[in-house]
Amino acid sequence: MYQSKYVQAAINAVAYIHSKEILNPVEAWYQATGELFGEGSWGQKKGCPRAAFLGLCEDGYVRGVKRGKYNRKEYSLNKQYAVNTVNLFLENSSKVHEDSKMLWLKVTEGKKIKSNYQVDIVKGLWLNDLILQKELNENGNGMQK
C-alpha cells in the first residue's frame, strides 16, 4: 500500500508522543512534517491533514495521546471527516481496506470536494494500531446524517 508523507507524519508524531520526546500533538505534528517536507515548507503548513490528525487527538481517538484542544478552530470539517472515517471503521473494520476515494465519498456524503489525506491518515493510524477502537459515539461524535 502506498503511504503518503502525511500518513508517515501522523505515525511519526504519535511515536514522538509515545517516546515522551514531544508531548504536545501540535508540536509533534510540526516536528514530523518538518522532517518529511522541510521546515516552513508548504507541506508542513498544509492545514487539512494537520486538522484531521489533531482532531483525532482532540477527541481521544489516538492511542497514548491525551484529549485536549489542539486545533486552531472550534469546529473543523477536516476533523469531522477524520472522525467520520474512524466511525466507519468502528462499524465495520474491513472497510479500512477499501479504496480511499470510495471512503472519501462516504465520509463527505458524496460532496464533490478534494481529499487532502484525511482518510489516509486514519487508515494509516488504524493499520498501525494507533486508533483506539472505543464505542461508537462515546463522545457524542459520529457520522453526521
Protein backbone atom coordinates (compact mmCIF):
# COMPACT_ATOMS: atom_id res chain seq x y z
CA MET A 1 0.00 0.00 0.00
CA TYR A 2 1.31 3.43 -0.95
CA GLN A 3 1.77 5.58 2.13
CA SER A 4 1.76 9.34 1.80
CA LYS A 5 4.15 11.54 3.70
CA TYR A 6 1.18 12.81 5.72
CA VAL A 7 0.38 9.28 6.90
CA GLN A 8 4.02 8.85 7.87
CA ALA A 9 3.94 12.24 9.61
CA ALA A 10 0.94 11.17 11.71
CA ILE A 11 2.64 7.90 12.66
CA ASN A 12 5.89 9.71 13.49
CA ALA A 13 4.05 12.35 15.53
CA VAL A 14 2.42 9.64 17.64
CA ALA A 15 5.82 7.97 18.07
CA TYR A 16 7.25 11.24 19.42
CA ILE A 17 4.41 11.46 21.92
CA HIS A 18 4.78 7.82 22.98
CA SER A 19 8.52 8.28 23.47
CA LYS A 20 7.77 11.37 25.59
CA GLU A 21 10.23 13.27 23.37
CA ILE A 22 7.40 15.66 22.49
CA LEU A 23 4.15 15.60 24.48
CA ASN A 24 2.01 18.11 22.60
CA PRO A 25 0.40 16.77 19.39
CA VAL A 26 0.72 20.17 17.69
CA GLU A 27 4.48 20.24 18.28
CA ALA A 28 4.81 16.56 17.36
CA TRP A 29 2.99 17.20 14.04
CA TYR A 30 5.24 20.16 13.20
CA GLN A 31 8.36 18.16 14.05
CA ALA A 32 7.26 15.19 11.92
CA THR A 33 6.15 17.29 8.94
CA GLY A 34 9.27 19.44 9.17
CA GLU A 35 11.42 16.34 8.86
CA LEU A 36 9.44 14.92 5.95
CA PHE A 37 8.68 18.09 3.97
CA GLY A 38 11.21 20.63 5.26
CA GLU A 39 10.88 23.33 7.88
CA GLY A 40 8.50 26.08 6.78
CA SER A 41 7.54 24.25 3.57
CA TRP A 42 4.06 24.16 2.03
CA GLY A 43 3.86 20.50 3.09
CA GLN A 44 4.44 21.41 6.69
CA LYS A 45 1.89 24.24 6.59
CA LYS A 46 -0.93 22.32 4.82
CA GLY A 47 -3.97 22.63 7.06
CA CYS A 48 -6.28 19.76 6.08
CA PRO A 49 -4.07 16.84 7.13
CA ARG A 50 -2.99 18.71 10.28
CA ALA A 51 -6.59 19.43 11.31
CA ALA A 52 -7.59 15.81 10.68
CA PHE A 53 -4.73 14.45 12.82
CA LEU A 54 -5.18 17.00 15.60
CA GLY A 55 -8.95 16.45 15.57
CA LEU A 56 -8.46 12.75 16.23
CA CYS A 57 -6.12 13.66 19.08
CA GLU A 58 -8.61 16.16 20.50
CA ASP A 59 -11.37 13.58 20.77
CA GLY A 60 -9.17 10.87 22.27
CA TYR A 61 -9.05 8.55 19.27
CA VAL A 62 -5.24 8.31 19.08
CA ARG A 63 -3.67 5.71 21.35
CA GLY A 64 -1.50 7.27 24.05
CA VAL A 65 -2.45 10.87 23.24
CA LYS A 66 -4.23 12.90 25.89
CA ARG A 67 -7.52 14.53 24.86
CA GLY A 68 -7.33 18.29 24.60
CA LYS A 69 -7.81 21.38 22.45
CA TYR A 70 -5.27 21.20 19.62
CA ASN A 71 -6.95 22.64 16.51
CA ARG A 72 -6.98 26.38 15.90
CA LYS A 73 -10.68 26.46 15.03
CA GLU A 74 -13.53 25.48 17.31
CA TYR A 75 -15.15 23.42 14.52
CA SER A 76 -13.22 21.77 11.70
CA LEU A 77 -14.68 19.92 8.75
CA ASN A 78 -11.36 18.12 8.36
CA LYS A 79 -11.62 16.86 11.93
CA GLN A 80 -15.17 15.71 11.23
CA TYR A 81 -14.07 13.84 8.11
CA ALA A 82 -11.42 12.03 10.14
CA VAL A 83 -13.88 11.19 12.93
CA ASN A 84 -16.42 10.01 10.35
CA THR A 85 -13.74 7.72 8.91
CA VAL A 86 -12.98 6.25 12.33
CA ASN A 87 -16.67 5.63 12.87
CA LEU A 88 -16.93 3.84 9.52
CA PHE A 89 -14.10 1.55 10.61
CA LEU A 90 -15.69 1.00 14.02
CA GLU A 91 -18.91 -0.07 12.32
CA ASN A 92 -17.03 -2.44 10.00
CA SER A 93 -13.26 -2.81 10.37
CA SER A 94 -12.89 -4.41 6.92
CA LYS A 95 -13.67 -1.00 5.39
CA VAL A 96 -10.10 0.03 6.22
CA HIS A 97 -9.09 -1.96 3.15
CA GLU A 98 -11.48 -0.11 0.82
CA ASP A 99 -10.22 2.39 -1.71
CA SER A 100 -9.59 5.79 -0.11
CA LYS A 101 -11.52 7.57 -2.87
CA MET A 102 -14.62 5.48 -2.15
CA LEU A 103 -14.28 6.08 1.59
CA TRP A 104 -13.88 9.80 0.95
CA LEU A 105 -17.21 9.86 -0.89
CA LYS A 106 -18.83 8.18 2.12
CA VAL A 107 -17.37 10.46 4.79
CA THR A 108 -18.18 13.61 2.79
CA GLU A 109 -21.63 12.29 1.91
CA GLY A 110 -20.84 12.49 -1.80
CA LYS A 111 -19.80 16.15 -1.85
CA LYS A 112 -17.53 17.00 -4.74
CA ILE A 113 -14.57 18.20 -2.69
CA LYS A 114 -10.94 17.20 -2.98
CA SER A 115 -9.43 14.89 -0.41
CA ASN A 116 -6.32 16.07 1.40
CA TYR A 117 -5.21 12.83 3.05
CA GLN A 118 -7.81 12.90 5.86
CA VAL A 119 -8.99 9.33 5.16
CA ASP A 120 -5.44 8.11 4.51
CA ILE A 121 -4.23 9.42 7.87
CA VAL A 122 -6.98 7.50 9.66
CA LYS A 123 -6.24 4.36 7.63
CA GLY A 124 -2.53 4.60 8.43
CA LEU A 125 -3.11 5.09 12.13
CA TRP A 126 -5.72 2.31 12.21
CA LEU A 127 -3.47 -0.17 10.41
CA ASN A 128 -0.65 0.63 12.86
CA ASP A 129 -2.97 0.04 15.85
CA LEU A 130 -2.80 3.71 16.84
CA ILE A 131 -6.56 4.35 16.82
CA LEU A 132 -8.43 3.47 19.99
CA GLN A 133 -11.32 1.30 18.98
CA LYS A 134 -13.81 2.56 21.52
CA GLU A 135 -17.58 2.56 21.42
CA LEU A 136 -19.13 4.49 18.56
CA ASN A 137 -20.46 7.87 19.64
CA GLU A 138 -18.96 7.64 23.15
CA ASN A 139 -18.03 11.32 22.86
CA GLY A 140 -21.19 12.33 21.07
CA ASN A 141 -19.28 12.09 17.81
CA GLY A 142 -20.43 10.10 14.87
CA MET A 143 -21.42 10.16 11.27
CA GLN A 144 -23.47 13.21 10.66
CA LYS A 145 -26.71 12.31 8.96
